[in-house]
N, C-alpha and C. Protein backbone atom coordinates (compact mmCIF):
# COMPACT_ATOMS: atom_id res chain seq x y z
N UNK A 1 9.01 -7.64 14.99
CA UNK A 1 8.49 -6.42 14.40
C UNK A 1 9.11 -5.17 15.04
N UNK A 2 9.42 -5.25 16.34
CA UNK A 2 10.06 -4.10 16.98
C UNK A 2 11.38 -3.78 16.32
N UNK A 3 12.07 -4.82 15.85
CA UNK A 3 13.33 -4.61 15.16
C UNK A 3 13.12 -3.77 13.90
N UNK A 4 12.05 -4.06 13.16
CA UNK A 4 11.74 -3.26 11.99
C UNK A 4 11.36 -1.83 12.39
N UNK A 5 10.55 -1.72 13.43
CA UNK A 5 10.09 -0.40 13.87
C UNK A 5 11.27 0.49 14.26
N UNK A 6 12.27 -0.10 14.89
CA UNK A 6 13.43 0.69 15.32
C UNK A 6 14.24 1.21 14.13
N UNK A 7 14.01 0.65 12.95
CA UNK A 7 14.76 1.10 11.77
C UNK A 7 14.03 2.18 10.98
N UNK A 8 12.88 2.62 11.47
CA UNK A 8 12.13 3.72 10.83
C UNK A 8 12.48 5.02 11.53
N UNK A 9 12.85 6.02 10.76
CA UNK A 9 13.23 7.32 11.33
C UNK A 9 12.01 8.24 11.34
N UNK A 10 11.77 8.88 12.49
CA UNK A 10 10.71 9.89 12.61
C UNK A 10 11.28 11.26 12.27
N UNK A 11 10.56 12.00 11.42
CA UNK A 11 10.96 13.35 11.05
C UNK A 11 9.83 14.30 11.49
N UNK A 12 9.96 14.93 12.66
CA UNK A 12 8.91 15.85 13.13
C UNK A 12 8.81 17.09 12.23
N UNK A 13 7.57 17.54 12.00
CA UNK A 13 7.35 18.77 11.24
C UNK A 13 7.46 18.63 9.75
N UNK A 14 7.49 17.41 9.23
CA UNK A 14 7.57 17.20 7.78
C UNK A 14 6.34 16.43 7.32
N UNK A 15 5.67 16.80 6.27
CA UNK A 15 5.92 17.94 5.38
C UNK A 15 5.39 19.25 5.93
N UNK A 16 4.69 19.20 7.09
CA UNK A 16 4.23 20.44 7.71
C UNK A 16 4.20 20.25 9.22
N UNK A 17 4.14 21.34 9.92
CA UNK A 17 4.12 21.33 11.38
C UNK A 17 2.97 20.47 11.90
N UNK A 18 3.24 19.70 12.93
CA UNK A 18 2.23 18.83 13.54
C UNK A 18 2.24 17.41 13.02
N UNK A 19 2.98 17.16 11.94
CA UNK A 19 3.09 15.82 11.36
C UNK A 19 4.42 15.22 11.79
N UNK A 20 4.40 13.92 12.07
CA UNK A 20 5.65 13.17 12.29
C UNK A 20 5.76 12.20 11.12
N UNK A 21 6.63 12.52 10.17
CA UNK A 21 6.81 11.73 8.96
C UNK A 21 7.57 10.46 9.29
N UNK A 22 7.08 9.33 8.79
CA UNK A 22 7.75 8.04 8.96
C UNK A 22 8.66 7.81 7.76
N UNK A 23 9.95 8.04 7.97
CA UNK A 23 10.93 7.92 6.90
C UNK A 23 11.42 6.49 6.81
N UNK A 24 11.02 5.79 5.75
CA UNK A 24 11.39 4.38 5.60
C UNK A 24 12.73 4.18 4.90
N UNK A 25 13.37 5.27 4.46
CA UNK A 25 14.64 5.11 3.75
C UNK A 25 15.69 4.47 4.65
N UNK A 26 15.56 4.66 5.96
CA UNK A 26 16.50 4.05 6.90
C UNK A 26 16.32 2.53 6.95
N UNK A 27 15.12 2.03 6.74
CA UNK A 27 14.88 0.59 6.63
C UNK A 27 15.34 0.08 5.27
N UNK A 28 15.04 0.82 4.23
CA UNK A 28 15.38 0.39 2.87
C UNK A 28 16.88 0.26 2.65
N UNK A 29 17.66 1.11 3.28
CA UNK A 29 19.11 1.06 3.07
C UNK A 29 19.77 -0.14 3.76
N UNK A 30 19.03 -0.77 4.67
CA UNK A 30 19.52 -1.94 5.38
C UNK A 30 18.98 -3.18 4.68
N UNK A 31 19.81 -3.83 3.88
CA UNK A 31 19.36 -4.97 3.08
C UNK A 31 18.70 -6.06 3.89
N UNK A 32 19.21 -6.33 5.08
CA UNK A 32 18.62 -7.38 5.92
C UNK A 32 17.23 -7.00 6.40
N UNK A 33 17.04 -5.77 6.78
CA UNK A 33 15.72 -5.31 7.26
C UNK A 33 14.71 -5.28 6.11
N UNK A 34 15.16 -4.80 4.96
CA UNK A 34 14.27 -4.76 3.79
C UNK A 34 13.85 -6.18 3.43
N UNK A 35 14.81 -7.09 3.37
CA UNK A 35 14.51 -8.49 3.07
C UNK A 35 13.55 -9.07 4.11
N UNK A 36 13.80 -8.79 5.38
CA UNK A 36 12.93 -9.29 6.44
C UNK A 36 11.50 -8.81 6.25
N UNK A 37 11.33 -7.53 5.92
CA UNK A 37 9.97 -7.00 5.73
C UNK A 37 9.28 -7.68 4.55
N UNK A 38 9.98 -7.87 3.45
CA UNK A 38 9.39 -8.54 2.29
C UNK A 38 9.07 -10.00 2.62
N UNK A 39 9.96 -10.67 3.33
CA UNK A 39 9.72 -12.06 3.72
C UNK A 39 8.51 -12.18 4.65
N UNK A 40 8.35 -11.23 5.56
CA UNK A 40 7.18 -11.24 6.45
C UNK A 40 5.88 -11.05 5.67
N UNK A 41 5.89 -10.14 4.71
CA UNK A 41 4.72 -9.98 3.84
C UNK A 41 4.44 -11.28 3.09
N UNK A 42 5.48 -11.87 2.53
CA UNK A 42 5.32 -13.08 1.73
C UNK A 42 4.70 -14.21 2.56
N UNK A 43 5.15 -14.37 3.80
CA UNK A 43 4.58 -15.41 4.66
C UNK A 43 3.09 -15.20 4.88
N UNK A 44 2.68 -13.95 4.97
CA UNK A 44 1.26 -13.63 5.20
C UNK A 44 0.39 -14.03 4.00
N UNK A 45 0.97 -13.97 2.79
CA UNK A 45 0.16 -14.14 1.59
C UNK A 45 0.49 -15.38 0.76
N UNK A 46 1.44 -16.19 1.20
CA UNK A 46 1.70 -17.46 0.54
C UNK A 46 0.44 -18.31 0.61
N UNK A 47 0.12 -18.94 -0.48
CA UNK A 47 -1.06 -19.80 -0.51
C UNK A 47 -2.36 -19.06 -0.73
N UNK A 48 -2.33 -17.75 -0.85
CA UNK A 48 -3.55 -16.96 -1.09
C UNK A 48 -3.86 -16.82 -2.57
N UNK A 49 -3.01 -17.39 -3.42
CA UNK A 49 -3.21 -17.36 -4.87
C UNK A 49 -3.39 -15.93 -5.40
N UNK A 50 -2.43 -15.10 -5.13
CA UNK A 50 -2.45 -13.71 -5.61
C UNK A 50 -2.11 -13.70 -7.09
N UNK A 51 -2.97 -13.07 -7.90
CA UNK A 51 -2.69 -12.93 -9.33
C UNK A 51 -1.89 -11.67 -9.63
N UNK A 52 -2.22 -10.60 -8.92
CA UNK A 52 -1.56 -9.32 -9.19
C UNK A 52 -1.51 -8.49 -7.91
N UNK A 53 -0.38 -7.82 -7.76
CA UNK A 53 -0.22 -6.85 -6.68
C UNK A 53 -0.44 -5.47 -7.28
N UNK A 54 -1.27 -4.68 -6.62
CA UNK A 54 -1.44 -3.28 -6.99
C UNK A 54 -0.65 -2.48 -5.97
N UNK A 55 0.37 -1.78 -6.43
CA UNK A 55 1.19 -0.98 -5.52
C UNK A 55 0.88 0.49 -5.74
N UNK A 56 0.76 1.19 -4.62
CA UNK A 56 0.32 2.58 -4.63
C UNK A 56 1.53 3.51 -4.64
N UNK A 57 1.46 4.50 -5.51
CA UNK A 57 2.53 5.49 -5.67
C UNK A 57 2.83 6.15 -4.34
N UNK A 58 4.04 6.37 -4.04
CA UNK A 58 5.24 5.93 -4.71
C UNK A 58 5.97 4.90 -3.87
N UNK A 59 5.91 5.04 -2.56
CA UNK A 59 6.69 4.13 -1.71
C UNK A 59 6.12 2.72 -1.73
N UNK A 60 4.85 2.57 -2.08
CA UNK A 60 4.28 1.24 -2.23
C UNK A 60 4.92 0.46 -3.36
N UNK A 61 5.49 1.16 -4.35
CA UNK A 61 6.15 0.49 -5.46
C UNK A 61 7.32 -0.36 -4.97
N UNK A 62 8.04 0.15 -3.98
CA UNK A 62 9.24 -0.53 -3.50
C UNK A 62 8.91 -1.90 -2.91
N UNK A 63 7.88 -1.94 -2.07
CA UNK A 63 7.50 -3.21 -1.45
C UNK A 63 6.70 -4.08 -2.41
N UNK A 64 5.85 -3.46 -3.21
CA UNK A 64 5.03 -4.22 -4.15
C UNK A 64 5.85 -5.00 -5.15
N UNK A 65 6.89 -4.38 -5.70
CA UNK A 65 7.73 -5.05 -6.69
C UNK A 65 8.48 -6.23 -6.07
N UNK A 66 9.06 -6.01 -4.92
CA UNK A 66 9.80 -7.10 -4.26
C UNK A 66 8.87 -8.24 -3.88
N UNK A 67 7.70 -7.91 -3.40
CA UNK A 67 6.74 -8.95 -2.99
C UNK A 67 6.18 -9.70 -4.19
N UNK A 68 5.93 -9.01 -5.29
CA UNK A 68 5.46 -9.69 -6.51
C UNK A 68 6.50 -10.69 -6.98
N UNK A 69 7.77 -10.32 -6.94
CA UNK A 69 8.84 -11.23 -7.30
C UNK A 69 8.82 -12.45 -6.39
N UNK A 70 8.70 -12.21 -5.10
CA UNK A 70 8.74 -13.29 -4.11
C UNK A 70 7.55 -14.23 -4.27
N UNK A 71 6.36 -13.68 -4.56
CA UNK A 71 5.16 -14.50 -4.70
C UNK A 71 4.98 -15.06 -6.11
N UNK A 72 5.77 -14.55 -7.05
CA UNK A 72 5.66 -15.03 -8.43
C UNK A 72 4.40 -14.58 -9.13
N UNK A 73 3.94 -13.37 -8.80
CA UNK A 73 2.72 -12.85 -9.42
C UNK A 73 3.03 -11.56 -10.18
N UNK A 74 2.02 -11.04 -10.85
CA UNK A 74 2.18 -9.78 -11.57
C UNK A 74 2.08 -8.59 -10.64
N UNK A 75 2.40 -7.43 -11.20
CA UNK A 75 2.31 -6.18 -10.43
C UNK A 75 1.80 -5.09 -11.36
N UNK A 76 0.98 -4.19 -10.82
CA UNK A 76 0.49 -3.05 -11.57
C UNK A 76 0.52 -1.82 -10.67
N UNK A 77 0.97 -0.69 -11.20
CA UNK A 77 1.04 0.51 -10.39
C UNK A 77 -0.30 1.26 -10.33
N UNK A 78 -0.55 1.83 -9.18
CA UNK A 78 -1.63 2.80 -9.00
C UNK A 78 -0.93 4.15 -8.94
N UNK A 79 -1.28 5.05 -9.87
CA UNK A 79 -0.55 6.31 -9.98
C UNK A 79 -1.48 7.50 -9.90
N UNK A 80 -0.89 8.65 -9.66
CA UNK A 80 -1.65 9.89 -9.68
C UNK A 80 -2.05 10.20 -11.11
N UNK A 81 -3.10 10.97 -11.24
CA UNK A 81 -3.69 11.29 -12.55
C UNK A 81 -2.63 11.81 -13.53
N UNK A 82 -2.71 11.26 -14.75
CA UNK A 82 -1.86 11.73 -15.83
C UNK A 82 -0.49 11.09 -15.92
N UNK A 83 -0.19 10.10 -15.09
CA UNK A 83 1.13 9.48 -15.06
C UNK A 83 1.20 8.17 -15.84
N UNK A 84 0.06 7.58 -16.18
CA UNK A 84 0.05 6.31 -16.91
C UNK A 84 -0.20 6.55 -18.40
N UNK A 85 0.51 5.83 -19.28
CA UNK A 85 0.48 6.15 -20.70
C UNK A 85 -0.69 5.57 -21.50
N UNK A 86 -1.39 4.57 -20.98
CA UNK A 86 -2.45 3.93 -21.74
C UNK A 86 -3.81 4.30 -21.15
N UNK A 87 -4.87 3.67 -21.66
CA UNK A 87 -6.22 3.95 -21.16
C UNK A 87 -6.33 3.54 -19.71
N UNK A 88 -7.00 4.38 -18.93
CA UNK A 88 -7.06 4.15 -17.49
C UNK A 88 -8.50 4.19 -16.96
N UNK A 89 -8.65 3.61 -15.76
CA UNK A 89 -9.80 3.85 -14.91
C UNK A 89 -9.31 4.80 -13.84
N UNK A 90 -10.19 5.69 -13.37
CA UNK A 90 -9.78 6.67 -12.38
C UNK A 90 -10.79 6.70 -11.23
N UNK A 91 -10.30 7.12 -10.08
CA UNK A 91 -11.15 7.35 -8.92
C UNK A 91 -10.67 8.63 -8.25
N UNK A 92 -11.62 9.49 -7.92
CA UNK A 92 -11.31 10.73 -7.20
C UNK A 92 -11.83 10.57 -5.78
N UNK A 93 -11.03 11.01 -4.83
CA UNK A 93 -11.39 10.83 -3.43
C UNK A 93 -10.99 12.07 -2.64
N UNK A 94 -11.55 12.19 -1.45
CA UNK A 94 -11.31 13.35 -0.59
C UNK A 94 -10.03 13.17 0.21
N UNK A 95 -9.29 14.25 0.29
CA UNK A 95 -8.13 14.36 1.16
C UNK A 95 -8.51 15.27 2.32
N UNK A 96 -7.60 15.42 3.26
CA UNK A 96 -7.86 16.30 4.39
C UNK A 96 -8.18 17.72 3.91
N UNK A 97 -7.44 18.19 2.89
CA UNK A 97 -7.65 19.53 2.35
C UNK A 97 -7.76 19.46 0.83
N UNK A 98 -8.84 18.94 0.31
CA UNK A 98 -9.03 18.90 -1.12
C UNK A 98 -9.35 17.51 -1.63
N UNK A 99 -9.01 17.28 -2.89
CA UNK A 99 -9.29 16.00 -3.55
C UNK A 99 -8.05 15.54 -4.29
N UNK A 100 -8.03 14.24 -4.59
CA UNK A 100 -6.95 13.68 -5.41
C UNK A 100 -7.56 12.63 -6.32
N UNK A 101 -6.87 12.30 -7.38
CA UNK A 101 -7.32 11.28 -8.32
C UNK A 101 -6.23 10.26 -8.54
N UNK A 102 -6.60 8.99 -8.48
CA UNK A 102 -5.69 7.89 -8.76
C UNK A 102 -6.16 7.18 -10.02
N UNK A 103 -5.20 6.61 -10.75
CA UNK A 103 -5.52 5.88 -11.97
C UNK A 103 -4.81 4.54 -12.01
N UNK A 104 -5.41 3.65 -12.80
CA UNK A 104 -4.85 2.33 -13.07
C UNK A 104 -5.13 2.02 -14.54
N UNK A 105 -4.21 1.33 -15.18
CA UNK A 105 -4.47 0.92 -16.56
C UNK A 105 -5.70 0.01 -16.61
N UNK A 106 -6.50 0.18 -17.65
CA UNK A 106 -7.71 -0.62 -17.80
C UNK A 106 -7.38 -2.11 -17.94
N UNK A 107 -6.20 -2.42 -18.45
CA UNK A 107 -5.82 -3.82 -18.63
C UNK A 107 -4.84 -4.31 -17.55
N UNK A 108 -4.86 -3.67 -16.39
CA UNK A 108 -3.93 -4.03 -15.30
C UNK A 108 -4.16 -5.44 -14.79
N UNK A 109 -5.39 -5.92 -14.86
CA UNK A 109 -5.71 -7.29 -14.45
C UNK A 109 -7.03 -7.69 -15.08
N UNK A 110 -7.23 -9.00 -15.18
CA UNK A 110 -8.45 -9.56 -15.75
C UNK A 110 -9.58 -9.54 -14.72
N UNK A 111 -10.80 -9.48 -15.21
CA UNK A 111 -11.95 -9.58 -14.32
C UNK A 111 -11.85 -10.90 -13.54
N UNK A 112 -12.10 -10.84 -12.25
CA UNK A 112 -12.01 -12.01 -11.39
C UNK A 112 -10.63 -12.25 -10.79
N UNK A 113 -9.65 -11.42 -11.17
CA UNK A 113 -8.29 -11.58 -10.65
C UNK A 113 -8.27 -11.41 -9.13
N UNK A 114 -7.36 -12.14 -8.51
CA UNK A 114 -7.15 -12.06 -7.06
C UNK A 114 -6.07 -11.02 -6.81
N UNK A 115 -6.46 -9.94 -6.14
CA UNK A 115 -5.64 -8.74 -6.03
C UNK A 115 -5.15 -8.53 -4.59
N UNK A 116 -3.87 -8.18 -4.47
CA UNK A 116 -3.29 -7.77 -3.20
C UNK A 116 -2.86 -6.31 -3.35
N UNK A 117 -3.35 -5.45 -2.48
CA UNK A 117 -2.99 -4.03 -2.48
C UNK A 117 -1.83 -3.83 -1.51
N UNK A 118 -0.78 -3.14 -1.96
CA UNK A 118 0.41 -2.93 -1.14
C UNK A 118 0.75 -1.44 -1.11
N UNK A 119 1.00 -0.95 0.11
CA UNK A 119 1.47 0.42 0.29
C UNK A 119 2.38 0.45 1.51
N UNK A 120 3.07 1.55 1.68
CA UNK A 120 4.00 1.63 2.80
C UNK A 120 3.32 1.99 4.11
N UNK A 121 2.23 2.78 4.07
CA UNK A 121 1.68 3.32 5.30
C UNK A 121 0.17 3.45 5.25
N UNK A 122 -0.47 3.01 6.31
CA UNK A 122 -1.91 3.22 6.50
C UNK A 122 -2.09 4.35 7.50
N UNK A 123 -2.70 5.44 7.03
CA UNK A 123 -3.00 6.58 7.91
C UNK A 123 -4.52 6.62 8.09
N UNK A 124 -5.20 7.46 7.33
CA UNK A 124 -6.66 7.58 7.47
C UNK A 124 -7.43 6.54 6.67
N UNK A 125 -6.77 5.87 5.72
CA UNK A 125 -7.42 4.84 4.92
C UNK A 125 -8.09 5.35 3.66
N UNK A 126 -8.09 6.65 3.43
CA UNK A 126 -8.79 7.21 2.27
C UNK A 126 -8.23 6.77 0.93
N UNK A 127 -6.92 6.74 0.81
CA UNK A 127 -6.30 6.32 -0.44
C UNK A 127 -6.62 4.86 -0.74
N UNK A 128 -6.45 4.02 0.25
CA UNK A 128 -6.73 2.59 0.04
C UNK A 128 -8.20 2.36 -0.25
N UNK A 129 -9.08 3.07 0.42
CA UNK A 129 -10.52 2.92 0.16
C UNK A 129 -10.80 3.25 -1.31
N UNK A 130 -10.15 4.28 -1.84
CA UNK A 130 -10.33 4.64 -3.25
C UNK A 130 -9.83 3.52 -4.16
N UNK A 131 -8.70 2.91 -3.81
CA UNK A 131 -8.16 1.81 -4.61
C UNK A 131 -9.10 0.61 -4.56
N UNK A 132 -9.66 0.32 -3.40
CA UNK A 132 -10.64 -0.77 -3.28
C UNK A 132 -11.80 -0.53 -4.23
N UNK A 133 -12.29 0.70 -4.25
CA UNK A 133 -13.41 1.04 -5.15
C UNK A 133 -13.03 0.80 -6.61
N UNK A 134 -11.81 1.16 -6.99
CA UNK A 134 -11.33 0.93 -8.35
C UNK A 134 -11.28 -0.57 -8.67
N UNK A 135 -10.70 -1.34 -7.76
CA UNK A 135 -10.56 -2.79 -7.97
C UNK A 135 -11.93 -3.43 -8.16
N UNK A 136 -12.85 -3.08 -7.31
CA UNK A 136 -14.18 -3.70 -7.39
C UNK A 136 -14.93 -3.25 -8.64
N UNK A 137 -14.73 -2.02 -9.06
CA UNK A 137 -15.33 -1.53 -10.31
C UNK A 137 -14.81 -2.33 -11.50
N UNK A 138 -13.55 -2.76 -11.41
CA UNK A 138 -12.92 -3.51 -12.49
C UNK A 138 -13.17 -5.02 -12.38
N UNK A 139 -13.86 -5.45 -11.34
CA UNK A 139 -14.19 -6.87 -11.20
C UNK A 139 -13.13 -7.71 -10.52
N UNK A 140 -12.20 -7.08 -9.81
CA UNK A 140 -11.18 -7.82 -9.08
C UNK A 140 -11.67 -8.25 -7.71
N UNK A 141 -11.01 -9.27 -7.16
CA UNK A 141 -11.32 -9.76 -5.82
C UNK A 141 -10.13 -9.47 -4.93
N UNK A 142 -10.35 -8.71 -3.88
CA UNK A 142 -9.26 -8.33 -2.99
C UNK A 142 -9.00 -9.46 -2.00
N UNK A 143 -7.78 -10.00 -2.05
CA UNK A 143 -7.40 -11.08 -1.14
C UNK A 143 -6.61 -10.55 0.06
N UNK A 144 -6.20 -9.29 0.00
CA UNK A 144 -5.51 -8.70 1.12
C UNK A 144 -5.02 -7.30 0.84
N UNK A 145 -4.69 -6.62 1.94
CA UNK A 145 -4.11 -5.28 1.88
C UNK A 145 -2.93 -5.30 2.83
N UNK A 146 -1.77 -4.86 2.36
CA UNK A 146 -0.55 -4.95 3.16
C UNK A 146 0.13 -3.59 3.28
N UNK A 147 0.56 -3.30 4.50
CA UNK A 147 1.28 -2.06 4.81
C UNK A 147 2.52 -2.38 5.62
N UNK A 148 3.56 -1.61 5.42
CA UNK A 148 4.70 -1.70 6.31
C UNK A 148 4.31 -1.11 7.67
N UNK A 149 3.69 0.07 7.66
CA UNK A 149 3.38 0.81 8.90
C UNK A 149 1.89 1.13 8.95
N UNK A 150 1.30 0.99 10.12
CA UNK A 150 -0.07 1.43 10.37
C UNK A 150 -0.04 2.44 11.51
N UNK A 151 -0.56 3.63 11.26
CA UNK A 151 -0.69 4.65 12.30
C UNK A 151 -2.05 4.43 12.98
N UNK A 152 -2.04 3.68 14.06
CA UNK A 152 -3.29 3.21 14.68
C UNK A 152 -4.16 4.34 15.21
N UNK A 153 -3.57 5.44 15.64
CA UNK A 153 -4.35 6.54 16.20
C UNK A 153 -5.29 7.17 15.17
N UNK A 154 -4.98 7.03 13.89
CA UNK A 154 -5.80 7.64 12.84
C UNK A 154 -6.97 6.75 12.40
N UNK A 155 -7.01 5.52 12.88
CA UNK A 155 -8.12 4.59 12.66
C UNK A 155 -8.46 4.35 11.18
N UNK A 156 -7.43 4.31 10.35
CA UNK A 156 -7.63 4.05 8.93
C UNK A 156 -8.22 2.68 8.65
N UNK A 157 -7.95 1.72 9.51
CA UNK A 157 -8.46 0.36 9.36
C UNK A 157 -10.00 0.35 9.36
N UNK A 158 -10.60 1.33 10.01
CA UNK A 158 -12.07 1.41 10.06
C UNK A 158 -12.68 1.52 8.66
N UNK A 159 -11.99 2.18 7.73
CA UNK A 159 -12.49 2.33 6.36
C UNK A 159 -12.28 1.07 5.53
N UNK A 160 -11.59 0.09 6.10
CA UNK A 160 -11.22 -1.11 5.35
C UNK A 160 -11.89 -2.36 5.92
N UNK A 161 -12.93 -2.17 6.70
CA UNK A 161 -13.63 -3.31 7.32
C UNK A 161 -14.10 -4.28 6.25
N UNK A 162 -13.97 -5.56 6.55
CA UNK A 162 -14.37 -6.59 5.62
C UNK A 162 -13.25 -7.07 4.71
N UNK A 163 -12.09 -6.44 4.81
CA UNK A 163 -10.94 -6.82 3.99
C UNK A 163 -9.80 -7.24 4.91
N UNK A 164 -9.06 -8.28 4.54
CA UNK A 164 -7.93 -8.69 5.38
C UNK A 164 -6.78 -7.69 5.27
N UNK A 165 -6.42 -7.10 6.39
CA UNK A 165 -5.37 -6.08 6.44
C UNK A 165 -4.20 -6.60 7.27
N UNK A 166 -3.00 -6.46 6.72
CA UNK A 166 -1.77 -6.83 7.41
C UNK A 166 -0.90 -5.60 7.51
N UNK A 167 -0.45 -5.28 8.70
CA UNK A 167 0.55 -4.21 8.87
C UNK A 167 1.67 -4.78 9.72
N UNK A 168 2.89 -4.61 9.24
CA UNK A 168 4.05 -5.17 9.92
C UNK A 168 4.42 -4.38 11.17
N UNK A 169 4.20 -3.06 11.12
CA UNK A 169 4.55 -2.18 12.24
C UNK A 169 3.31 -1.39 12.60
N UNK A 170 2.96 -1.40 13.87
CA UNK A 170 1.86 -0.56 14.35
C UNK A 170 2.46 0.52 15.22
N UNK A 171 2.09 1.76 14.92
CA UNK A 171 2.62 2.91 15.65
C UNK A 171 1.46 3.84 15.96
N UNK A 172 1.32 4.21 17.20
CA UNK A 172 0.22 5.11 17.59
C UNK A 172 0.47 6.53 17.13
N UNK A 173 1.73 6.93 17.09
CA UNK A 173 2.05 8.34 16.87
C UNK A 173 2.19 8.69 15.40
N UNK A 174 1.70 9.88 15.09
CA UNK A 174 1.83 10.40 13.74
C UNK A 174 2.10 11.86 13.86
């Protein structure tokens, strides 16, 4: 995992002062590292009978699509309000400074489907908590939540208690 961590570039002061942005493009451009990360995710969830991966906009799409291919399951995007063309379910949640709304197509998965949530980074856990609420409202069963990076100092995992969480890279600093 340290090998993967060393391929993530820190960008201090982006998008605002006091933040250290975790730039994953340096990992993505390295085919071997990208493949390794997808293979590590796949090992974690093989045999879990995943029906559909829900990938969170936007960087979660990159890992979600590759992992869905590897696991042989479906994939559905979780997008910001107004980006999906068909009927949707929506959830509004609190951000540090305001609110945001996420949507999913109403037919993204069948009731009782086994769902894996995939995103690139776990920070405070608010976005994923909102997605969990959407999945449960739709009758899905969460079999796991997967992140490339977890910022442990922000304690986002606390909002996800009771759900199996996998993070390939743990980093205290944000």
